[in-house]
Amino acid sequence: MDKRIAILGIIVENPDMASQVNELLHEYRDSIIGRMGMPYREKNISVISIVMDAENNVISALSGKLGMLDGVSAKAVYSKK
């Protein structure tokens, strides 16, 4: 399978899930090119952007696992190539 570049947008609305989010990101660290996280204190949420270079199934697996966490939303946007 071919690798693709993707951006994974993550919103963490449950601060108690932060450690589980970080554990998953650590698990997929070999596929992650870069990461930017921003706390939005006024809304008590965190917004994280992840850039990945991986096969579709790897990107989808991470996005799905994150989305199954309580209070965490994740969505992937893929490159066309």
N, C-alpha and C. Protein backbone atom coordinates (compact mmCIF):
# COMPACT_ATOMS: atom_id res chain seq x y z
N MET A 1 0.83 -1.19 0.00
CA MET A 1 0.00 0.00 0.00
C MET A 1 0.87 1.25 0.00
N ASP A 2 0.39 2.29 -0.65
CA ASP A 2 1.12 3.54 -0.72
C ASP A 2 0.87 4.39 0.51
N LYS A 3 1.89 5.11 0.90
CA LYS A 3 1.75 6.05 2.00
C LYS A 3 1.15 7.35 1.48
N ARG A 4 0.43 8.03 2.35
CA ARG A 4 -0.15 9.33 2.02
C ARG A 4 0.11 10.30 3.15
N ILE A 5 0.07 11.56 2.81
CA ILE A 5 0.17 12.62 3.81
C ILE A 5 -1.26 12.93 4.27
N ALA A 6 -1.43 13.10 5.56
CA ALA A 6 -2.74 13.44 6.10
C ALA A 6 -2.57 14.39 7.27
N ILE A 7 -3.60 15.18 7.49
CA ILE A 7 -3.68 16.02 8.68
C ILE A 7 -4.80 15.45 9.53
N LEU A 8 -4.49 15.19 10.77
CA LEU A 8 -5.48 14.66 11.70
C LEU A 8 -5.82 15.77 12.69
N GLY A 9 -7.07 16.21 12.67
CA GLY A 9 -7.54 17.23 13.60
C GLY A 9 -8.19 16.56 14.79
N ILE A 10 -7.79 16.95 15.98
CA ILE A 10 -8.29 16.33 17.21
C ILE A 10 -8.79 17.44 18.14
N ILE A 11 -9.99 17.26 18.69
CA ILE A 11 -10.51 18.16 19.71
C ILE A 11 -10.77 17.33 20.96
N VAL A 12 -10.15 17.76 22.05
CA VAL A 12 -10.29 17.07 23.33
C VAL A 12 -11.16 17.93 24.24
N GLU A 13 -12.40 17.48 24.45
CA GLU A 13 -13.33 18.22 25.30
C GLU A 13 -13.34 17.68 26.73
N ASN A 14 -12.76 16.52 26.94
CA ASN A 14 -12.68 15.92 28.27
C ASN A 14 -11.21 15.89 28.69
N PRO A 15 -10.79 16.80 29.56
CA PRO A 15 -9.38 16.88 29.95
C PRO A 15 -8.85 15.58 30.57
N ASP A 16 -9.74 14.76 31.12
CA ASP A 16 -9.31 13.49 31.71
C ASP A 16 -8.78 12.51 30.67
N MET A 17 -9.05 12.77 29.40
CA MET A 17 -8.61 11.87 28.32
C MET A 17 -7.25 12.26 27.76
N ALA A 18 -6.66 13.34 28.24
CA ALA A 18 -5.39 13.83 27.69
C ALA A 18 -4.29 12.77 27.71
N SER A 19 -4.18 12.05 28.80
CA SER A 19 -3.12 11.04 28.88
C SER A 19 -3.36 9.90 27.90
N GLN A 20 -4.62 9.52 27.69
CA GLN A 20 -4.92 8.45 26.72
C GLN A 20 -4.67 8.92 25.29
N VAL A 21 -4.97 10.17 25.00
CA VAL A 21 -4.67 10.74 23.69
C VAL A 21 -3.16 10.70 23.46
N ASN A 22 -2.40 11.14 24.44
CA ASN A 22 -0.94 11.15 24.30
C ASN A 22 -0.37 9.75 24.16
N GLU A 23 -0.94 8.77 24.85
CA GLU A 23 -0.49 7.38 24.71
C GLU A 23 -0.70 6.88 23.28
N LEU A 24 -1.86 7.18 22.71
CA LEU A 24 -2.12 6.76 21.33
C LEU A 24 -1.16 7.44 20.35
N LEU A 25 -0.94 8.73 20.55
CA LEU A 25 -0.01 9.44 19.66
C LEU A 25 1.40 8.89 19.79
N HIS A 26 1.78 8.51 20.98
CA HIS A 26 3.09 7.88 21.18
C HIS A 26 3.16 6.53 20.48
N GLU A 27 2.08 5.79 20.52
CA GLU A 27 2.02 4.48 19.86
C GLU A 27 2.22 4.61 18.35
N TYR A 28 1.74 5.70 17.77
CA TYR A 28 1.82 5.92 16.32
C TYR A 28 2.94 6.89 15.95
N ARG A 29 3.87 7.11 16.83
CA ARG A 29 4.92 8.13 16.63
C ARG A 29 5.74 7.94 15.36
N ASP A 30 5.92 6.71 14.90
CA ASP A 30 6.72 6.48 13.70
C ASP A 30 6.04 7.01 12.44
N SER A 31 4.75 7.21 12.49
CA SER A 31 4.00 7.72 11.33
C SER A 31 3.73 9.21 11.43
N ILE A 32 4.07 9.83 12.56
CA ILE A 32 3.76 11.24 12.78
C ILE A 32 4.96 12.10 12.39
N ILE A 33 4.72 13.06 11.49
CA ILE A 33 5.76 14.00 11.06
C ILE A 33 5.86 15.17 12.03
N GLY A 34 4.70 15.67 12.45
CA GLY A 34 4.70 16.83 13.34
C GLY A 34 3.40 16.95 14.10
N ARG A 35 3.44 17.75 15.15
CA ARG A 35 2.29 17.90 16.04
C ARG A 35 2.25 19.32 16.58
N MET A 36 1.03 19.87 16.64
CA MET A 36 0.85 21.19 17.24
C MET A 36 -0.40 21.11 18.13
N GLY A 37 -0.26 21.46 19.38
CA GLY A 37 -1.39 21.43 20.29
C GLY A 37 -1.60 22.78 20.92
N MET A 38 -2.87 23.15 21.07
CA MET A 38 -3.20 24.45 21.66
C MET A 38 -4.33 24.28 22.66
N PRO A 39 -4.10 24.66 23.90
CA PRO A 39 -5.22 24.67 24.85
C PRO A 39 -6.09 25.91 24.61
N TYR A 40 -7.37 25.73 24.64
CA TYR A 40 -8.30 26.84 24.53
C TYR A 40 -8.98 26.95 25.90
N ARG A 41 -8.33 27.67 26.78
CA ARG A 41 -8.71 27.70 28.19
C ARG A 41 -10.12 28.26 28.42
N GLU A 42 -10.53 29.24 27.61
CA GLU A 42 -11.86 29.83 27.79
C GLU A 42 -12.97 28.80 27.58
N LYS A 43 -12.72 27.82 26.73
CA LYS A 43 -13.72 26.77 26.44
C LYS A 43 -13.39 25.46 27.12
N ASN A 44 -12.26 25.40 27.82
CA ASN A 44 -11.80 24.19 28.51
C ASN A 44 -11.66 22.99 27.56
N ILE A 45 -11.08 23.27 26.36
CA ILE A 45 -10.81 22.20 25.40
C ILE A 45 -9.37 22.34 24.91
N SER A 46 -8.90 21.31 24.25
CA SER A 46 -7.60 21.35 23.59
C SER A 46 -7.79 20.99 22.12
N VAL A 47 -7.04 21.66 21.26
CA VAL A 47 -7.09 21.42 19.83
C VAL A 47 -5.70 20.96 19.41
N ILE A 48 -5.64 19.81 18.73
CA ILE A 48 -4.36 19.23 18.33
C ILE A 48 -4.40 18.96 16.83
N SER A 49 -3.33 19.34 16.13
CA SER A 49 -3.17 19.02 14.72
C SER A 49 -1.97 18.10 14.58
N ILE A 50 -2.18 17.00 13.87
CA ILE A 50 -1.13 16.01 13.64
C ILE A 50 -0.92 15.87 12.14
N VAL A 51 0.32 15.90 11.69
CA VAL A 51 0.64 15.63 10.28
C VAL A 51 1.24 14.23 10.24
N MET A 52 0.68 13.39 9.38
CA MET A 52 1.12 11.99 9.30
C MET A 52 1.57 11.65 7.88
N ASP A 53 2.49 10.71 7.79
CA ASP A 53 2.90 10.10 6.52
C ASP A 53 2.80 8.61 6.74
N ALA A 54 1.68 8.02 6.29
CA ALA A 54 1.41 6.62 6.58
C ALA A 54 0.41 6.06 5.58
N GLU A 55 0.21 4.76 5.65
CA GLU A 55 -0.80 4.12 4.83
C GLU A 55 -2.18 4.50 5.36
N ASN A 56 -3.18 4.45 4.47
CA ASN A 56 -4.54 4.84 4.84
C ASN A 56 -5.04 4.11 6.08
N ASN A 57 -4.77 2.80 6.14
CA ASN A 57 -5.30 2.03 7.25
C ASN A 57 -4.68 2.45 8.59
N VAL A 58 -3.44 2.90 8.59
CA VAL A 58 -2.79 3.36 9.82
C VAL A 58 -3.41 4.68 10.28
N ILE A 59 -3.61 5.59 9.33
CA ILE A 59 -4.21 6.89 9.65
C ILE A 59 -5.64 6.69 10.16
N SER A 60 -6.39 5.85 9.48
CA SER A 60 -7.77 5.57 9.88
C SER A 60 -7.84 4.91 11.25
N ALA A 61 -6.90 4.01 11.51
CA ALA A 61 -6.88 3.32 12.81
C ALA A 61 -6.66 4.31 13.94
N LEU A 62 -5.71 5.21 13.79
CA LEU A 62 -5.46 6.19 14.83
C LEU A 62 -6.66 7.11 15.00
N SER A 63 -7.22 7.59 13.91
CA SER A 63 -8.38 8.46 13.98
C SER A 63 -9.55 7.76 14.67
N GLY A 64 -9.78 6.51 14.33
CA GLY A 64 -10.86 5.74 14.94
C GLY A 64 -10.66 5.51 16.42
N LYS A 65 -9.44 5.17 16.81
CA LYS A 65 -9.15 4.93 18.24
C LYS A 65 -9.32 6.21 19.04
N LEU A 66 -8.89 7.33 18.48
CA LEU A 66 -9.06 8.60 19.17
C LEU A 66 -10.54 8.95 19.31
N GLY A 67 -11.30 8.75 18.25
CA GLY A 67 -12.72 9.07 18.25
C GLY A 67 -13.54 8.22 19.20
N MET A 68 -13.01 7.06 19.58
CA MET A 68 -13.72 6.19 20.52
C MET A 68 -13.53 6.63 21.97
N LEU A 69 -12.58 7.52 22.22
CA LEU A 69 -12.36 8.03 23.58
C LEU A 69 -13.47 9.01 23.94
N ASP A 70 -13.93 8.94 25.18
CA ASP A 70 -14.99 9.82 25.66
C ASP A 70 -14.55 11.28 25.62
N GLY A 71 -15.30 12.11 24.90
CA GLY A 71 -14.99 13.53 24.86
C GLY A 71 -13.89 13.90 23.89
N VAL A 72 -13.56 12.99 22.95
CA VAL A 72 -12.52 13.26 21.96
C VAL A 72 -13.10 13.08 20.57
N SER A 73 -12.87 14.05 19.70
CA SER A 73 -13.29 13.97 18.29
C SER A 73 -12.05 14.03 17.43
N ALA A 74 -12.03 13.25 16.34
CA ALA A 74 -10.90 13.24 15.43
C ALA A 74 -11.39 13.09 14.00
N LYS A 75 -10.73 13.79 13.09
CA LYS A 75 -11.09 13.72 11.67
C LYS A 75 -9.81 13.85 10.86
N ALA A 76 -9.68 13.02 9.83
CA ALA A 76 -8.51 13.03 8.97
C ALA A 76 -8.83 13.64 7.61
N VAL A 77 -7.89 14.43 7.10
CA VAL A 77 -7.96 14.97 5.74
C VAL A 77 -6.73 14.45 5.02
N TYR A 78 -6.95 13.80 3.88
CA TYR A 78 -5.89 13.12 3.14
C TYR A 78 -5.43 13.93 1.93
N SER A 79 -4.15 13.77 1.60
CA SER A 79 -3.64 14.34 0.35
C SER A 79 -4.21 13.52 -0.81
N LYS A 80 -4.22 14.12 -1.98
CA LYS A 80 -4.75 13.40 -3.15
C LYS A 80 -3.73 12.44 -3.72
N LYS A 81 -2.46 12.62 -3.41
CA LYS A 81 -1.43 11.76 -3.96
C LYS A 81 -0.98 10.72 -2.96
